[in-house]
């Protein structure tokens, strides 16, 4: 049991740029389970909930509070491909703060840094309209996060360098 550390490797107002970097980072990873990807958003009112579920009829809604009346509601959507994630993310990002998370990845071994292959903590995330992994505060920017084993940023920095990026801020506790 443990939590990841999440290092931001890009802040941008251009969602296509964020998703392009994400696609390049995914090409560095090995898939442990290729269907391990989902979108998640918080619906803080009925209008946002309606718009998210109309845009993605297969989305799962989990309510907080008594009698399905407590806001926010968590809205999640499993996706099977990068193209499906891209399309859904563009739609959801126009509605609210949200994120897409690829989990069940394997980061490659980096022998020169003493890093073995990593799958337990390997995740990749795009937070839309936010600078934090939980999308708690709205910003006009989208943030790409590399999740890895807690410790120094060596793996995150190495992964970012493979796609001509770099770590652009401090890490935060993941999940």
C-alpha atoms as a PDB file:
ATOM      1  CA  UNK A   1       0.000   0.000   0.000  1.00  0.00           C
ATOM      2  CA  UNK A   2       1.215   3.484  -0.738  1.00  0.00           C
ATOM      3  CA  UNK A   3       0.568   6.671  -2.595  1.00  0.00           C
ATOM      4  CA  UNK A   4       2.175   8.049  -5.713  1.00  0.00           C
ATOM      5  CA  UNK A   5       3.946  11.366  -6.013  1.00  0.00           C
ATOM      6  CA  UNK A   6       2.711  13.489  -8.914  1.00  0.00           C
ATOM      7  CA  UNK A   7       5.133  15.809 -10.720  1.00  0.00           C
ATOM      8  CA  UNK A   8       3.803  18.446 -13.123  1.00  0.00           C
ATOM      9  CA  UNK A   9       5.606  18.360 -16.463  1.00  0.00           C
ATOM     10  CA  UNK A  10       3.496  20.913 -18.348  1.00  0.00           C
ATOM     11  CA  UNK A  11       1.137  23.821 -17.663  1.00  0.00           C
ATOM     12  CA  UNK A  12      -0.638  25.101 -20.784  1.00  0.00           C
ATOM     13  CA  UNK A  13      -3.870  26.758 -21.870  1.00  0.00           C
ATOM     14  CA  UNK A  14      -3.799  24.544 -24.990  1.00  0.00           C
ATOM     15  CA  UNK A  15      -5.533  21.232 -24.271  1.00  0.00           C
ATOM     16  CA  UNK A  16      -4.242  19.766 -27.554  1.00  0.00           C
ATOM     17  CA  UNK A  17      -0.686  20.515 -26.410  1.00  0.00           C
ATOM     18  CA  UNK A  18      -1.343  18.786 -23.062  1.00  0.00           C
ATOM     19  CA  UNK A  19      -2.863  15.744 -24.749  1.00  0.00           C
ATOM     20  CA  UNK A  20      -0.045  15.622 -27.313  1.00  0.00           C
ATOM     21  CA  UNK A  21       2.564  15.513 -24.546  1.00  0.00           C
ATOM     22  CA  UNK A  22       0.509  12.860 -22.787  1.00  0.00           C
ATOM     23  CA  UNK A  23       0.394  10.707 -25.906  1.00  0.00           C
ATOM     24  CA  UNK A  24       4.181  10.972 -26.237  1.00  0.00           C
ATOM     25  CA  UNK A  25       4.647  10.025 -22.563  1.00  0.00           C
ATOM     26  CA  UNK A  26       2.343   7.042 -23.035  1.00  0.00           C
ATOM     27  CA  UNK A  27       4.633   5.857 -25.841  1.00  0.00           C
ATOM     28  CA  UNK A  28       7.483   5.662 -23.282  1.00  0.00           C
ATOM     29  CA  UNK A  29       5.375   3.483 -20.972  1.00  0.00           C
ATOM     30  CA  UNK A  30       4.567  -0.173 -21.325  1.00  0.00           C
ATOM     31  CA  UNK A  31       0.952  -1.073 -20.796  1.00  0.00           C
ATOM     32  CA  UNK A  32       0.209  -3.269 -17.819  1.00  0.00           C
ATOM     33  CA  UNK A  33      -3.509  -3.100 -18.613  1.00  0.00           C
ATOM     34  CA  UNK A  34      -4.372  -0.974 -21.628  1.00  0.00           C
ATOM     35  CA  UNK A  35      -7.973  -0.355 -20.570  1.00  0.00           C
ATOM     36  CA  UNK A  36      -6.844   1.255 -17.308  1.00  0.00           C
ATOM     37  CA  UNK A  37      -7.988   4.788 -18.092  1.00  0.00           C
ATOM     38  CA  UNK A  38     -10.851   6.936 -16.849  1.00  0.00           C
ATOM     39  CA  UNK A  39     -12.105  10.501 -16.684  1.00  0.00           C
ATOM     40  CA  UNK A  40     -13.338  11.994 -13.451  1.00  0.00           C
ATOM     41  CA  UNK A  41     -15.125  15.260 -12.662  1.00  0.00           C
ATOM     42  CA  UNK A  42     -17.046  16.821  -9.823  1.00  0.00           C
ATOM     43  CA  UNK A  43     -20.531  18.039 -10.649  1.00  0.00           C
ATOM     44  CA  UNK A  44     -21.250  20.835  -8.204  1.00  0.00           C
ATOM     45  CA  UNK A  45     -24.760  21.551  -9.453  1.00  0.00           C
ATOM     46  CA  UNK A  46     -27.567  19.986 -11.496  1.00  0.00           C
ATOM     47  CA  UNK A  47     -26.658  21.804 -14.713  1.00  0.00           C
ATOM     48  CA  UNK A  48     -23.064  20.511 -14.739  1.00  0.00           C
ATOM     49  CA  UNK A  49     -24.264  17.001 -13.883  1.00  0.00           C
ATOM     50  CA  UNK A  50     -26.811  17.071 -16.707  1.00  0.00           C
ATOM     51  CA  UNK A  51     -24.261  18.357 -19.235  1.00  0.00           C
ATOM     52  CA  UNK A  52     -21.637  15.736 -18.273  1.00  0.00           C
ATOM     53  CA  UNK A  53     -24.055  12.796 -18.362  1.00  0.00           C
ATOM     54  CA  UNK A  54     -25.657  13.951 -21.616  1.00  0.00           C
ATOM     55  CA  UNK A  55     -22.206  14.236 -23.192  1.00  0.00           C
ATOM     56  CA  UNK A  56     -21.195  10.783 -21.872  1.00  0.00           C
ATOM     57  CA  UNK A  57     -24.262   8.569 -21.326  1.00  0.00           C
ATOM     58  CA  UNK A  58     -22.061   5.730 -20.010  1.00  0.00           C
ATOM     59  CA  UNK A  59     -20.688   7.854 -17.171  1.00  0.00           C
ATOM     60  CA  UNK A  60     -21.142   6.619 -13.610  1.00  0.00           C
ATOM     61  CA  UNK A  61     -22.467   9.055 -11.011  1.00  0.00           C
ATOM     62  CA  UNK A  62     -21.670   8.640  -7.327  1.00  0.00           C
ATOM     63  CA  UNK A  63     -23.556  10.876  -4.927  1.00  0.00           C
ATOM     64  CA  UNK A  64     -22.388  12.260  -1.641  1.00  0.00           C
ATOM     65  CA  UNK A  65     -24.829  13.073   1.116  1.00  0.00           C
ATOM     66  CA  UNK A  66     -28.262  11.775   2.037  1.00  0.00           C
ATOM     67  CA  UNK A  67     -30.848  10.829  -0.553  1.00  0.00           C
ATOM     68  CA  UNK A  68     -28.797  11.698  -3.638  1.00  0.00           C
ATOM     69  CA  UNK A  69     -29.079  15.362  -2.801  1.00  0.00           C
ATOM     70  CA  UNK A  70     -25.580  16.152  -1.568  1.00  0.00           C
ATOM     71  CA  UNK A  71     -23.291  18.064  -3.875  1.00  0.00           C
ATOM     72  CA  UNK A  72     -20.826  17.488  -5.324  1.00  0.00           C
ATOM     73  CA  UNK A  73     -21.482  14.308  -7.244  1.00  0.00           C
ATOM     74  CA  UNK A  74     -18.551  12.378  -8.681  1.00  0.00           C
ATOM     75  CA  UNK A  75     -18.872  11.602 -12.395  1.00  0.00           C
ATOM     76  CA  UNK A  76     -16.550   8.941 -13.865  1.00  0.00           C
ATOM     77  CA  UNK A  77     -16.160   7.482 -17.326  1.00  0.00           C
ATOM     78  CA  UNK A  78     -14.016   4.486 -18.281  1.00  0.00           C
ATOM     79  CA  UNK A  79     -12.384   4.836 -21.687  1.00  0.00           C
ATOM     80  CA  UNK A  80     -10.812   2.195 -23.905  1.00  0.00           C
ATOM     81  CA  UNK A  81      -8.499   4.228 -26.137  1.00  0.00           C
ATOM     82  CA  UNK A  82      -6.507   7.425 -26.273  1.00  0.00           C
ATOM     83  CA  UNK A  83      -8.792   8.774 -28.993  1.00  0.00           C
ATOM     84  CA  UNK A  84     -11.861   8.188 -26.813  1.00  0.00           C
ATOM     85  CA  UNK A  85     -10.113   9.871 -23.868  1.00  0.00           C
ATOM     86  CA  UNK A  86      -9.154  12.860 -26.048  1.00  0.00           C
ATOM     87  CA  UNK A  87     -12.712  13.375 -27.329  1.00  0.00           C
ATOM     88  CA  UNK A  88     -14.320  13.021 -23.905  1.00  0.00           C
ATOM     89  CA  UNK A  89     -11.701  15.244 -22.254  1.00  0.00           C
ATOM     90  CA  UNK A  90     -12.292  18.061 -24.745  1.00  0.00           C
ATOM     91  CA  UNK A  91     -16.028  17.874 -24.087  1.00  0.00           C
ATOM     92  CA  UNK A  92     -15.730  17.645 -20.301  1.00  0.00           C
ATOM     93  CA  UNK A  93     -13.089  20.414 -20.081  1.00  0.00           C
ATOM     94  CA  UNK A  94     -15.557  22.779 -21.763  1.00  0.00           C
ATOM     95  CA  UNK A  95     -18.051  22.013 -18.961  1.00  0.00           C
ATOM     96  CA  UNK A  96     -16.009  21.895 -15.738  1.00  0.00           C
ATOM     97  CA  UNK A  97     -12.699  21.033 -14.064  1.00  0.00           C
ATOM     98  CA  UNK A  98     -11.885  17.380 -14.676  1.00  0.00           C
ATOM     99  CA  UNK A  99      -9.028  14.972 -15.171  1.00  0.00           C
ATOM    100  CA  UNK A 100      -8.119  11.908 -17.158  1.00  0.00           C
ATOM    101  CA  UNK A 101      -5.904   9.286 -15.516  1.00  0.00           C
ATOM    102  CA  UNK A 102      -4.041   6.429 -17.130  1.00  0.00           C
ATOM    103  CA  UNK A 103      -3.145   3.859 -14.497  1.00  0.00           C
ATOM    104  CA  UNK A 104      -1.904   0.291 -14.732  1.00  0.00           C
ATOM    105  CA  UNK A 105       1.119   1.451 -16.727  1.00  0.00           C
ATOM    106  CA  UNK A 106       4.710   0.320 -16.457  1.00  0.00           C
ATOM    107  CA  UNK A 107       7.473   2.896 -16.456  1.00  0.00           C
ATOM    108  CA  UNK A 108      10.654   1.413 -17.954  1.00  0.00           C
ATOM    109  CA  UNK A 109      13.754   0.577 -15.988  1.00  0.00           C
ATOM    110  CA  UNK A 110      16.411   3.308 -15.975  1.00  0.00           C
ATOM    111  CA  UNK A 111      19.585   1.422 -14.969  1.00  0.00           C
ATOM    112  CA  UNK A 112      21.796   4.527 -15.068  1.00  0.00           C
ATOM    113  CA  UNK A 113      19.624   6.024 -12.300  1.00  0.00           C
ATOM    114  CA  UNK A 114      19.283   2.756 -10.396  1.00  0.00           C
ATOM    115  CA  UNK A 115      15.542   2.579 -11.178  1.00  0.00           C
ATOM    116  CA  UNK A 116      13.850  -0.742 -11.826  1.00  0.00           C
ATOM    117  CA  UNK A 117      10.763  -1.125 -13.975  1.00  0.00           C
ATOM    118  CA  UNK A 118       7.824   0.459 -12.111  1.00  0.00           C
ATOM    119  CA  UNK A 119       4.152  -0.467 -12.324  1.00  0.00           C
ATOM    120  CA  UNK A 120       2.736  -0.021  -8.819  1.00  0.00           C
ATOM    121  CA  UNK A 121       3.087   3.775  -8.853  1.00  0.00           C
ATOM    122  CA  UNK A 122       3.094   4.400 -12.624  1.00  0.00           C
ATOM    123  CA  UNK A 123       0.294   6.733 -13.675  1.00  0.00           C
ATOM    124  CA  UNK A 124      -0.158   9.627 -16.068  1.00  0.00           C
ATOM    125  CA  UNK A 125      -2.735  12.372 -15.652  1.00  0.00           C
ATOM    126  CA  UNK A 126      -4.067  15.481 -17.355  1.00  0.00           C
ATOM    127  CA  UNK A 127      -5.872  17.869 -15.010  1.00  0.00           C
ATOM    128  CA  UNK A 128      -8.057  20.204 -17.063  1.00  0.00           C
ATOM    129  CA  UNK A 129      -8.590  23.744 -15.852  1.00  0.00           C
ATOM    130  CA  UNK A 130      -6.469  23.029 -12.778  1.00  0.00           C
ATOM    131  CA  UNK A 131      -2.924  22.938 -11.398  1.00  0.00           C
ATOM    132  CA  UNK A 132      -3.599  20.151  -8.870  1.00  0.00           C
ATOM    133  CA  UNK A 133      -4.413  16.483  -9.307  1.00  0.00           C
ATOM    134  CA  UNK A 134      -7.761  16.755  -7.528  1.00  0.00           C
ATOM    135  CA  UNK A 135      -8.914  19.728  -9.627  1.00  0.00           C
ATOM    136  CA  UNK A 136      -9.852  21.654  -6.508  1.00  0.00           C
ATOM    137  CA  UNK A 137      -9.184  25.144  -7.857  1.00  0.00           C
ATOM    138  CA  UNK A 138     -10.000  26.448 -11.313  1.00  0.00           C
ATOM    139  CA  UNK A 139      -7.266  27.850 -13.549  1.00  0.00           C
ATOM    140  CA  UNK A 140      -7.288  28.574 -17.287  1.00  0.00           C
ATOM    141  CA  UNK A 141      -4.422  26.091 -17.680  1.00  0.00           C
ATOM    142  CA  UNK A 142      -4.266  22.329 -17.995  1.00  0.00           C
ATOM    143  CA  UNK A 143      -1.534  20.374 -16.209  1.00  0.00           C
ATOM    144  CA  UNK A 144       0.125  17.100 -17.192  1.00  0.00           C
ATOM    145  CA  UNK A 145       1.332  15.035 -14.215  1.00  0.00           C
ATOM    146  CA  UNK A 146       3.689  12.073 -14.124  1.00  0.00           C
ATOM    147  CA  UNK A 147       2.929   9.843 -11.130  1.00  0.00           C
ATOM    148  CA  UNK A 148       5.738   7.689  -9.766  1.00  0.00           C
ATOM    149  CA  UNK A 149       7.113   6.127  -6.610  1.00  0.00           C
ATOM    150  CA  UNK A 150       7.551   8.625  -3.758  1.00  0.00           C
ATOM    151  CA  UNK A 151      11.084   9.947  -3.477  1.00  0.00           C
ATOM    152  CA  UNK A 152      13.338  12.092  -5.615  1.00  0.00           C
ATOM    153  CA  UNK A 153      12.047  13.347  -8.952  1.00  0.00           C
ATOM    154  CA  UNK A 154      14.601  11.262 -10.901  1.00  0.00           C
ATOM    155  CA  UNK A 155      12.052   9.087 -12.721  1.00  0.00           C
ATOM    156  CA  UNK A 156       9.677  11.960 -13.478  1.00  0.00           C
ATOM    157  CA  UNK A 157      12.556  14.088 -14.779  1.00  0.00           C
ATOM    158  CA  UNK A 158      13.865  11.201 -16.894  1.00  0.00           C
ATOM    159  CA  UNK A 159      10.402  10.482 -18.343  1.00  0.00           C
ATOM    160  CA  UNK A 160       9.844  14.160 -19.147  1.00  0.00           C
ATOM    161  CA  UNK A 161      13.257  14.395 -20.816  1.00  0.00           C
ATOM    162  CA  UNK A 162      12.333  11.491 -23.125  1.00  0.00           C
ATOM    163  CA  UNK A 163       9.667  13.721 -24.702  1.00  0.00           C
ATOM    164  CA  UNK A 164      11.568  17.043 -24.555  1.00  0.00           C
ATOM    165  CA  UNK A 165       9.762  18.237 -21.432  1.00  0.00           C
ATOM    166  CA  UNK A 166      10.836  18.857 -17.859  1.00  0.00           C
ATOM    167  CA  UNK A 167       9.423  18.887 -14.346  1.00  0.00           C
ATOM    168  CA  UNK A 168       7.860  22.367 -13.935  1.00  0.00           C
ATOM    169  CA  UNK A 169       6.941  22.445 -10.263  1.00  0.00           C
ATOM    170  CA  UNK A 170       7.010  20.632  -6.954  1.00  0.00           C
ATOM    171  CA  UNK A 171       5.388  17.245  -6.568  1.00  0.00           C
ATOM    172  CA  UNK A 172       2.213  16.625  -4.654  1.00  0.00           C
ATOM    173  CA  UNK A 173       0.878  13.545  -2.902  1.00  0.00           C
ATOM    174  CA  UNK A 174      -0.971  11.290  -5.308  1.00  0.00           C
ATOM    175  CA  UNK A 175      -3.350   8.450  -4.594  1.00  0.00           C
END
